[in-house]
Protein backbone atom coordinates (compact mmCIF):
# COMPACT_ATOMS: atom_id res chain seq x y z
CA UNK A 1 46.12 53.02 -13.90
CA UNK A 2 48.24 49.96 -13.10
CA UNK A 3 47.63 46.31 -13.82
CA UNK A 4 48.65 43.13 -12.05
CA UNK A 5 48.89 39.53 -13.21
CA UNK A 6 48.84 36.86 -10.50
CA UNK A 7 49.71 33.18 -10.85
CA UNK A 8 49.01 30.71 -8.02
CA UNK A 9 51.09 27.53 -7.90
CA UNK A 10 53.20 25.36 -5.58
CA UNK A 11 56.44 26.87 -4.33
CA UNK A 12 58.69 24.75 -6.56
CA UNK A 13 56.86 25.88 -9.70
CA UNK A 14 56.97 29.58 -8.76
CA UNK A 15 60.65 29.37 -7.86
CA UNK A 16 61.41 27.68 -11.19
CA UNK A 17 59.57 30.53 -12.95
CA UNK A 18 61.65 33.11 -11.06
CA UNK A 19 64.83 31.37 -12.19
CA UNK A 20 63.54 31.35 -15.79
CA UNK A 21 62.84 35.07 -15.49
CA UNK A 22 66.45 35.75 -14.53
CA UNK A 23 67.64 33.82 -17.59
CA UNK A 24 65.29 35.69 -19.96
CA UNK A 25 67.76 38.10 -21.56
CA UNK A 26 65.04 39.81 -23.62
CA UNK A 27 62.65 40.39 -20.68
CA UNK A 28 60.69 43.65 -20.84
CA UNK A 29 62.01 45.71 -17.87
CA UNK A 30 58.61 47.42 -17.53
CA UNK A 31 57.15 44.12 -16.31
CA UNK A 32 58.17 43.81 -12.65
CA UNK A 33 57.69 40.38 -11.08
CA UNK A 34 58.06 38.90 -7.60
CA UNK A 35 57.29 35.58 -5.94
CA UNK A 36 56.14 34.97 -2.38
CA UNK A 37 54.27 32.56 -0.16
CA UNK A 38 50.57 33.31 0.24
CA UNK A 39 50.25 32.54 3.95
CA UNK A 40 52.65 31.58 6.74
CA UNK A 41 50.57 28.51 7.64
CA UNK A 42 50.77 27.25 4.03
CA UNK A 43 54.47 27.57 3.11
CA UNK A 44 54.13 25.52 -0.09
CA UNK A 45 51.38 27.72 -1.57
CA UNK A 46 53.05 30.52 -3.53
CA UNK A 47 52.10 33.27 -5.94
CA UNK A 48 53.92 35.02 -8.74
CA UNK A 49 52.86 38.64 -9.21
CA UNK A 50 53.66 40.82 -12.21
CA UNK A 51 52.98 44.57 -12.27
CA UNK A 52 52.61 46.74 -15.38
CA UNK A 53 51.71 50.38 -15.93
CA UNK A 54 49.67 49.40 -18.99
CA UNK A 55 46.94 46.92 -19.82
CA UNK A 56 48.70 43.58 -20.42
CA UNK A 57 48.95 42.71 -24.10
CA UNK A 58 48.83 39.19 -25.45
CA UNK A 59 52.62 39.37 -25.75
CA UNK A 60 52.90 40.34 -22.07
CA UNK A 61 50.73 37.40 -21.06
CA UNK A 62 52.71 35.01 -23.25
CA UNK A 63 55.99 36.23 -21.73
CA UNK A 64 54.76 35.38 -18.24
CA UNK A 65 53.22 32.07 -19.33
CA UNK A 66 56.51 31.09 -20.99
CA UNK A 67 58.24 31.22 -17.60
CA UNK A 68 56.42 27.98 -16.71
CA UNK A 69 57.33 24.60 -18.14
CA UNK A 70 54.55 22.59 -19.70
CA UNK A 71 50.98 23.86 -19.39
CA UNK A 72 51.16 27.25 -17.63
CA UNK A 73 48.95 27.96 -14.62
CA UNK A 74 46.01 30.32 -14.99
CA UNK A 75 46.86 34.03 -15.26
CA UNK A 76 44.60 36.23 -13.13
CA UNK A 77 44.57 39.79 -14.53
CA UNK A 78 43.25 42.77 -12.59
CA UNK A 79 43.24 46.53 -12.96
CA UNK A 80 44.53 48.46 -9.95
CA UNK A 81 43.84 52.02 -8.82
CA UNK A 82 46.66 54.55 -9.00
CA UNK A 83 49.05 53.96 -6.10
CA UNK A 84 52.70 53.58 -5.22
CA UNK A 85 52.54 49.81 -4.76
CA UNK A 86 56.10 49.47 -3.47
CA UNK A 87 55.46 52.01 -0.73
CA UNK A 88 52.07 50.57 0.20
CA UNK A 89 53.49 47.06 0.43
CA UNK A 90 56.04 48.23 2.99
CA UNK A 91 53.75 50.28 5.20
CA UNK A 92 52.79 48.87 8.58
CA UNK A 93 55.67 46.38 8.69
CA UNK A 94 56.95 45.65 12.17
CA UNK A 95 60.50 46.55 13.25
CA UNK A 96 63.23 43.93 13.04
CA UNK A 97 66.18 43.10 15.27
CA UNK A 98 69.15 41.55 13.52
CA UNK A 99 72.66 41.43 14.91
CA UNK A 100 73.37 44.80 16.52
CA UNK A 101 70.69 46.53 14.47
CA UNK A 102 67.08 47.59 15.00
CA UNK A 103 65.36 48.74 11.80
CA UNK A 104 61.98 50.44 11.92
CA UNK A 105 59.73 52.68 9.87
CA UNK A 106 58.71 56.11 11.24
CA UNK A 107 55.45 54.60 12.52
CA UNK A 108 57.46 52.85 15.26
CA UNK A 109 59.76 54.33 17.93
CA UNK A 110 63.48 53.59 18.12
CA UNK A 111 64.60 50.89 20.52
CA UNK A 112 67.12 53.25 22.16
CA UNK A 113 69.01 50.40 23.81
CA UNK A 114 72.76 50.43 24.56
CA UNK A 115 74.72 48.41 22.03
CA UNK A 116 71.90 48.49 19.46
CA UNK A 117 71.99 50.78 16.42
CA UNK A 118 68.56 52.12 15.44
CA UNK A 119 67.91 52.87 11.78
CA UNK A 120 64.69 54.52 10.67
CA UNK A 121 63.95 53.56 7.06
CA UNK A 122 60.58 54.76 5.75
CA UNK A 123 58.64 52.92 3.09
CA UNK A 124 59.87 54.19 -0.24
CA UNK A 125 60.27 53.39 -3.90
CA UNK A 126 63.60 51.73 -3.17
CA UNK A 127 64.13 48.15 -1.97
CA UNK A 128 65.69 47.45 1.40
CA UNK A 129 63.71 48.47 4.47
CA UNK A 130 65.19 45.54 6.40
CA UNK A 131 62.06 43.40 6.57
CA UNK A 132 62.93 41.20 3.59
CA UNK A 133 64.78 38.04 4.60
CA UNK A 134 67.76 38.87 2.39
CA UNK A 135 68.31 42.35 3.86
CA UNK A 136 67.76 41.14 7.41
CA UNK A 137 70.13 38.24 6.79
CA UNK A 138 72.82 40.61 5.55
CA UNK A 139 72.51 42.65 8.76
CA UNK A 140 72.96 39.48 10.79
CA UNK A 141 75.94 38.36 8.71
CA UNK A 142 77.63 41.77 8.90
CA UNK A 143 77.31 41.66 12.68
CA UNK A 144 78.89 38.19 12.69
CA UNK A 145 81.74 39.34 10.44
CA UNK A 146 82.52 42.13 12.89
CA UNK A 147 82.56 39.65 15.79
CA UNK A 148 84.92 37.44 13.79
CA UNK A 149 87.46 40.26 13.66
CA UNK A 150 86.98 41.36 10.03
CA UNK A 151 88.62 44.75 9.47
CA UNK A 152 87.20 47.10 6.83
CA UNK A 153 88.77 50.33 5.65
CA UNK A 154 86.98 50.55 2.31
CA UNK A 155 83.55 49.13 1.46
CA UNK A 156 81.06 49.11 -1.41
CA UNK A 157 77.32 48.41 -1.34
CA UNK A 158 76.21 47.42 -4.84
CA UNK A 159 72.45 47.59 -5.47
CA UNK A 160 72.01 49.59 -2.27
CA UNK A 161 68.30 50.45 -2.57
CA UNK A 162 67.60 52.48 0.56
CA UNK A 163 71.26 52.62 1.60
CA UNK A 164 70.63 50.50 4.70
CA UNK A 165 73.42 47.95 4.26
CA UNK A 166 75.98 50.65 3.51
CA UNK A 167 74.85 52.49 6.63
CA UNK A 168 75.20 49.28 8.64
CA UNK A 169 78.73 48.78 7.33
CA UNK A 170 79.71 52.29 8.40
CA UNK A 171 78.29 51.70 11.87
CA UNK A 172 80.36 48.55 12.31
CA UNK A 173 83.49 50.09 10.79
CA UNK A 174 83.06 53.82 11.48
CA UNK A 175 86.40 54.95 10.04
CA UNK A 176 85.89 53.17 6.71
CA UNK A 177 85.30 54.88 3.39
CA UNK A 178 82.10 53.71 1.73
CA UNK A 179 80.48 53.96 -1.67
CA UNK A 180 76.99 52.78 -2.58
CA UNK A 181 75.44 52.29 -6.00
CA UNK A 182 72.18 51.31 -7.60
CA UNK A 183 70.95 50.97 -11.18
CA UNK A 184 67.69 52.76 -10.30
CA UNK A 185 67.96 56.56 -10.31
CA UNK A 186 65.18 56.86 -7.72
CA UNK A 187 67.61 55.52 -5.13
CA UNK A 188 69.78 58.64 -5.20
CA UNK A 189 67.37 60.97 -3.35
CA UNK A 190 66.08 58.07 -1.23
CA UNK A 191 69.58 57.33 0.07
CA UNK A 192 70.26 61.04 0.66
CA UNK A 193 67.08 61.39 2.74
CA UNK A 194 67.73 58.21 4.71
CA UNK A 195 71.32 59.26 5.38
CA UNK A 196 70.15 62.59 6.78
CA UNK A 197 67.53 60.90 8.98
CA UNK A 198 70.08 58.46 10.39
CA UNK A 199 73.08 60.70 10.90
CA UNK A 200 75.13 59.20 8.05
CA UNK A 201 77.55 61.63 6.41
CA UNK A 202 77.55 61.52 2.60
CA UNK A 203 80.59 62.24 0.45
CA UNK A 204 84.18 61.03 0.22
CA UNK A 205 86.35 60.37 3.22
CA UNK A 206 86.59 58.22 6.37
CA UNK A 207 83.18 57.64 7.92
CA UNK A 208 81.35 58.93 4.84
CA UNK A 209 79.41 57.24 2.04
CA UNK A 210 79.35 58.33 -1.59
CA UNK A 211 76.38 57.45 -3.80
CA UNK A 212 76.40 56.76 -7.55
CA UNK A 213 73.86 55.49 -10.08
CA UNK A 214 75.36 52.70 -12.15
CA UNK A 215 74.79 49.11 -13.32
CA UNK A 216 77.08 46.68 -11.54
CA UNK A 217 80.61 48.08 -11.20
CA UNK A 218 80.30 50.30 -14.27
CA UNK A 219 81.12 53.73 -12.84
CA UNK A 220 84.43 55.66 -12.69
CA UNK A 221 84.05 56.31 -8.95
CA UNK A 222 83.48 52.62 -8.21
CA UNK A 223 86.61 51.76 -10.17
CA UNK A 224 88.66 54.57 -8.60
CA UNK A 225 87.66 53.63 -5.05
CA UNK A 226 88.68 49.96 -5.49
CA UNK A 227 90.04 47.69 -4.18
CA UNK A 228 87.62 47.07 -1.33
CA UNK A 229 87.98 45.16 1.91
CA UNK A 230 84.23 44.46 1.81
CA UNK A 231 81.81 44.39 -1.10
CA UNK A 232 78.08 43.89 -0.40
CA UNK A 233 75.61 42.90 -3.13
CA UNK A 234 71.99 42.12 -2.25
CA UNK A 235 70.53 41.81 -5.77
CA UNK A 236 69.41 38.64 -7.61
CA UNK A 237 71.19 35.46 -8.66
CA UNK A 238 71.55 36.13 -12.39
CA UNK A 239 73.49 39.39 -12.04
CA UNK A 240 75.46 37.96 -9.11
CA UNK A 241 76.77 35.19 -11.37
CA UNK A 242 77.63 37.60 -14.20
CA UNK A 243 79.36 40.03 -11.86
CA UNK A 244 81.54 37.41 -10.14
CA UNK A 245 84.74 38.26 -12.08
CA UNK A 246 84.25 42.01 -11.60
CA UNK A 247 83.54 41.62 -7.89
CA UNK A 248 86.59 39.38 -7.45
CA UNK A 249 88.84 41.95 -9.13
CA UNK A 250 87.38 44.71 -6.95
CA UNK A 251 88.35 43.22 -3.56
CA UNK A 252 91.76 42.90 -1.95
CA UNK A 253 93.34 39.46 -1.35
CA UNK A 254 91.65 38.15 1.76
CA UNK A 255 88.81 40.65 1.28
CA UNK A 256 85.15 39.80 1.81
CA UNK A 257 82.15 39.67 -0.51
CA UNK A 258 78.66 39.44 1.03
CA UNK A 259 76.03 38.14 -1.38
CA UNK A 260 72.24 37.92 -0.99
CA UNK A 261 69.12 37.95 -3.12
CA UNK A 262 69.54 34.35 -4.25
CA UNK A 263 67.23 31.46 -3.52
CA UNK A 264 68.78 28.44 -1.82
CA UNK A 265 68.07 26.50 -5.03
CA UNK A 266 70.30 29.00 -6.90
CA UNK A 267 73.16 28.85 -4.42
CA UNK A 268 75.18 26.14 -6.18
CA UNK A 269 75.38 28.15 -9.41
CA UNK A 270 76.36 31.33 -7.58
CA UNK A 271 79.02 29.60 -5.49
CA UNK A 272 80.45 27.90 -8.58
CA UNK A 273 80.83 31.26 -10.34
CA UNK A 274 82.66 32.78 -7.38
CA UNK A 275 84.81 29.70 -6.84
CA UNK A 276 85.96 30.06 -10.44
CA UNK A 277 86.70 33.74 -9.79
CA UNK A 278 88.96 32.84 -6.85
CA UNK A 279 86.65 33.31 -3.86
CA UNK A 280 85.83 30.74 -1.22
CA UNK A 281 82.95 30.44 1.20
CA UNK A 282 83.63 31.74 4.71
CA UNK A 283 80.08 31.32 6.05
CA UNK A 284 76.50 30.92 4.91
CA UNK A 285 73.07 31.20 6.43
CA UNK A 286 69.59 30.43 5.15
CA UNK A 287 66.57 32.57 5.90
CA UNK A 288 63.39 30.97 4.64
CA UNK A 289 64.15 30.11 1.02
CA UNK A 290 67.02 32.60 0.71
CA UNK A 291 70.77 32.08 1.07
CA UNK A 292 73.17 34.71 2.43
CA UNK A 293 76.82 34.03 1.56
CA UNK A 294 80.04 35.45 3.00
CA UNK A 295 82.88 34.79 0.57
CA UNK A 296 86.54 35.70 0.79
CA UNK A 297 89.09 36.22 -1.95
CA UNK A 298 91.96 33.79 -1.76
CA UNK A 299 94.91 34.96 0.29
CA UNK A 300 98.00 33.10 1.46
CA UNK A 301 96.15 31.00 4.04
CA UNK A 302 93.08 28.79 3.84
CA UNK A 303 89.62 30.25 4.24
CA UNK A 304 87.50 28.62 6.93
CA UNK A 305 83.82 28.22 6.18
CA UNK A 306 80.60 27.36 7.97
CA UNK A 307 76.88 26.93 7.54
CA UNK A 308 74.58 29.05 9.65
CA UNK A 309 71.19 27.78 10.67
CA UNK A 310 70.33 30.39 13.27
CA UNK A 311 73.01 32.75 14.45
CA UNK A 312 75.33 32.28 16.27
CA UNK A 313 75.59 28.58 15.29
CA UNK A 314 78.63 28.38 12.97
CA UNK A 315 79.58 24.78 12.55
CA UNK A 316 79.79 23.06 9.19
CA UNK A 317 82.91 23.41 7.08
CA UNK A 318 82.61 23.73 3.31
């Protein structure tokens, strides 16, 4: 049986708790948490949910309560029937259209429209079906980068989940070499299945994507394949900050880094870390509460930058 702890609070309080969670170096990895709005018509009413495969102990409850400053909100604890909650949460989601991409689950038909790349990504134990604002935003930003003339011969997708963003990169730059990685071993077979379903060739070589299981950049194949023209990382803000020096070293001068998984309130800290590592903002967009950042490693010339409200509006310099 599984258990869930739910906390209801205003958006600012839940977001502050999510930031505190990222900074909790001793957090029990078996406690998985997420924050979200409760209803579209009440954008300031949020919930924090924590899932465990055991009955929450007093220590578990205290760990969640400690994420909140002052008097913590009430913790609602419930026992859940056996189920794959990640898969169930993704079932029935509607297809999305972002940039040149149409992403759908098997329950929906492909769009089959000229100039649009269909990807079928079933609900799975891996993150990244395309419906989350960060993944969808990355698809939009990748499409924009292609329109801006970015050339990619070698790309990496760190924290790939389902493999979707790596697949998208290979569609836009079909002769590139690609490598994808994730810290979660379940992603290996998920990516292999999704690649087969979408006509993506796995392995080493132009137009192919290799897959490794590794934390961050810590894998011999990731090191051997560097430097990259494009590095994609849709994870969370804490690791993005810590990995800034490694990501900067892994891209060529003038190369691109696409970051997502960070709340807009966390953007300043992330941008500061990458500025220190020698990367500058080329463009940004905001989807809901989430920021998607395109950064470029310093080259001989200046890097232009812009803020994106809704594509294709690229206007504000940084």
